[in-house]
Amino acid sequence: MYALERFRSLVRSLSWVEIEFARPAVRPGHVEALAAFYWTLDDWSRRIALVQLVQDQDHPALRTVMLDVLRAPLTEDTENVELTKAAALRLIDPRYDTFMAFYEDRAALAAAVHEVLAAHGSGVE
């Protein structure tokens, strides 16, 4: 329980550096609770933070979270949002496991996000 509350606290506080260092501590047993926590967050910054925290996990509970975060607007901290979307894409479909390609080509990233959202009947906010 301590780990979950620590993870939630990091996400709430937007402690980006600490989130990066905490990623290896996230275990499969934490994922369902963290995925449920995602849906309680009322702003995109914290949702982005949660996805960054769990991005190394491959768990069915994350699929809807990863699809949802693709809808995040690029109005604030564009680089952070784009790189989070690139990480999310690979968990949705292995065809998009091309983080470095998306890092270097943001137009390709935007096209992939659009393609995935369209395929799942959703759009960017």
Protein backbone atom coordinates (compact mmCIF):
# COMPACT_ATOMS: atom_id res chain seq x y z
CA MET A 1 0.00 0.00 0.00
CA TYR A 2 2.86 2.39 0.76
CA ALA A 3 4.13 2.15 -2.81
CA LEU A 4 0.72 2.95 -4.28
CA GLU A 5 0.28 6.02 -2.10
CA ARG A 6 3.80 7.16 -2.98
CA PHE A 7 3.04 6.76 -6.69
CA ARG A 8 -0.23 8.66 -6.33
CA SER A 9 1.57 11.44 -4.48
CA LEU A 10 4.21 11.75 -7.19
CA VAL A 11 1.53 12.00 -9.86
CA ARG A 12 -0.48 14.58 -7.92
CA SER A 13 2.60 16.73 -7.33
CA LEU A 14 3.83 16.45 -10.93
CA SER A 15 7.28 15.48 -9.67
CA TRP A 16 8.64 14.71 -13.13
CA VAL A 17 12.16 13.73 -12.10
CA GLU A 18 10.90 11.59 -9.23
CA ILE A 19 8.35 9.94 -11.53
CA GLU A 20 11.16 8.99 -13.89
CA PHE A 21 13.16 7.45 -11.06
CA ALA A 22 10.08 5.67 -9.66
CA ARG A 23 9.20 3.90 -12.93
CA PRO A 24 11.32 0.79 -12.15
CA ALA A 25 9.53 0.41 -8.80
CA VAL A 26 6.13 0.01 -10.44
CA ARG A 27 5.19 -3.66 -10.40
CA PRO A 28 2.42 -5.55 -12.22
CA GLY A 29 0.53 -5.71 -8.93
CA HIS A 30 0.32 -1.90 -8.84
CA VAL A 31 -1.04 -1.45 -12.33
CA GLU A 32 -4.77 -2.03 -11.85
CA ALA A 33 -4.93 0.40 -8.93
CA LEU A 34 -2.91 3.00 -10.84
CA ALA A 35 -5.10 2.57 -13.93
CA ALA A 36 -8.18 3.15 -11.76
CA PHE A 37 -6.46 6.21 -10.23
CA TYR A 38 -5.96 7.64 -13.74
CA TRP A 39 -9.72 8.00 -14.17
CA THR A 40 -9.99 10.07 -10.98
CA LEU A 41 -7.52 12.67 -12.25
CA ASP A 42 -9.21 15.80 -13.54
CA ASP A 43 -6.42 17.36 -15.59
CA TRP A 44 -4.22 16.27 -18.46
CA SER A 45 -0.93 17.10 -16.73
CA ARG A 46 -1.57 14.56 -13.99
CA ARG A 47 -2.86 12.01 -16.47
CA ILE A 48 0.34 12.45 -18.47
CA ALA A 49 2.34 12.01 -15.27
CA LEU A 50 0.56 8.75 -14.46
CA VAL A 51 1.16 7.37 -17.94
CA GLN A 52 4.83 8.25 -17.67
CA LEU A 53 4.97 6.37 -14.38
CA VAL A 54 3.42 3.16 -15.78
CA GLN A 55 4.81 3.27 -19.32
CA ASP A 56 7.11 0.30 -18.76
CA GLN A 57 4.23 -1.98 -17.83
CA ASP A 58 2.29 -4.06 -20.32
CA HIS A 59 -1.02 -4.85 -18.67
CA PRO A 60 -4.56 -5.09 -20.10
CA ALA A 61 -5.81 -2.53 -17.56
CA LEU A 62 -3.63 0.10 -19.24
CA ARG A 63 -5.08 -0.21 -22.73
CA THR A 64 -7.97 2.21 -22.18
CA VAL A 65 -5.68 4.57 -20.26
CA MET A 66 -3.21 4.63 -23.15
CA LEU A 67 -5.99 5.23 -25.67
CA ASP A 68 -7.37 8.05 -23.56
CA VAL A 69 -4.03 9.82 -23.12
CA LEU A 70 -3.70 10.00 -26.91
CA ARG A 71 -6.52 12.57 -26.73
CA ALA A 72 -4.45 14.96 -24.59
CA PRO A 73 -4.18 18.41 -26.15
CA LEU A 74 -0.78 19.80 -27.09
CA THR A 75 -1.47 23.18 -25.53
CA GLU A 76 0.94 22.90 -22.60
CA ASP A 77 4.35 21.26 -22.37
CA THR A 78 4.06 19.93 -25.91
CA GLU A 79 7.28 17.93 -25.80
CA ASN A 80 6.24 16.08 -22.65
CA VAL A 81 2.78 15.32 -24.06
CA GLU A 82 4.14 14.13 -27.41
CA LEU A 83 6.70 11.81 -25.86
CA THR A 84 4.06 10.37 -23.54
CA LYS A 85 1.83 9.70 -26.55
CA ALA A 86 4.74 7.97 -28.29
CA ALA A 87 5.18 5.72 -25.25
CA ALA A 88 1.44 5.04 -25.11
CA LEU A 89 1.26 4.04 -28.78
CA ARG A 90 3.61 1.11 -28.33
CA LEU A 91 1.41 -0.32 -25.59
CA ILE A 92 -1.69 -0.07 -27.78
CA ASP A 93 -0.23 -1.78 -30.82
CA PRO A 94 3.26 -3.26 -31.34
CA ARG A 95 3.34 -1.75 -34.85
CA TYR A 96 3.88 1.59 -33.13
CA ASP A 97 6.82 0.49 -31.02
CA THR A 98 9.01 3.09 -32.71
CA PHE A 99 9.67 5.62 -29.97
CA MET A 100 12.88 6.99 -31.50
CA ALA A 101 11.26 7.39 -34.90
CA PHE A 102 8.46 9.37 -33.28
CA TYR A 103 10.95 11.32 -31.19
CA GLU A 104 12.65 12.46 -34.38
CA ASP A 105 9.51 12.85 -36.53
CA ARG A 106 6.64 14.52 -34.71
CA ALA A 107 4.53 14.62 -37.87
CA ALA A 108 4.69 10.82 -38.03
CA LEU A 109 3.72 10.71 -34.35
CA ALA A 110 0.72 12.97 -34.96
CA ALA A 111 -0.33 10.81 -37.91
CA ALA A 112 -0.06 7.61 -35.85
CA VAL A 113 -2.07 9.15 -33.00
CA HIS A 114 -4.76 10.25 -35.44
CA GLU A 115 -4.83 6.80 -37.05
CA VAL A 116 -5.17 4.98 -33.72
CA LEU A 117 -7.84 7.34 -32.40
CA ALA A 118 -9.82 7.06 -35.62
CA ALA A 119 -9.59 3.27 -35.51
CA HIS A 120 -11.00 3.34 -31.97
CA GLY A 121 -13.71 5.92 -32.63
CA SER A 122 -12.20 8.78 -30.71
CA GLY A 123 -10.50 12.10 -31.33
CA VAL A 124 -8.11 14.57 -29.76
CA GLU A 125 -9.62 17.03 -27.28
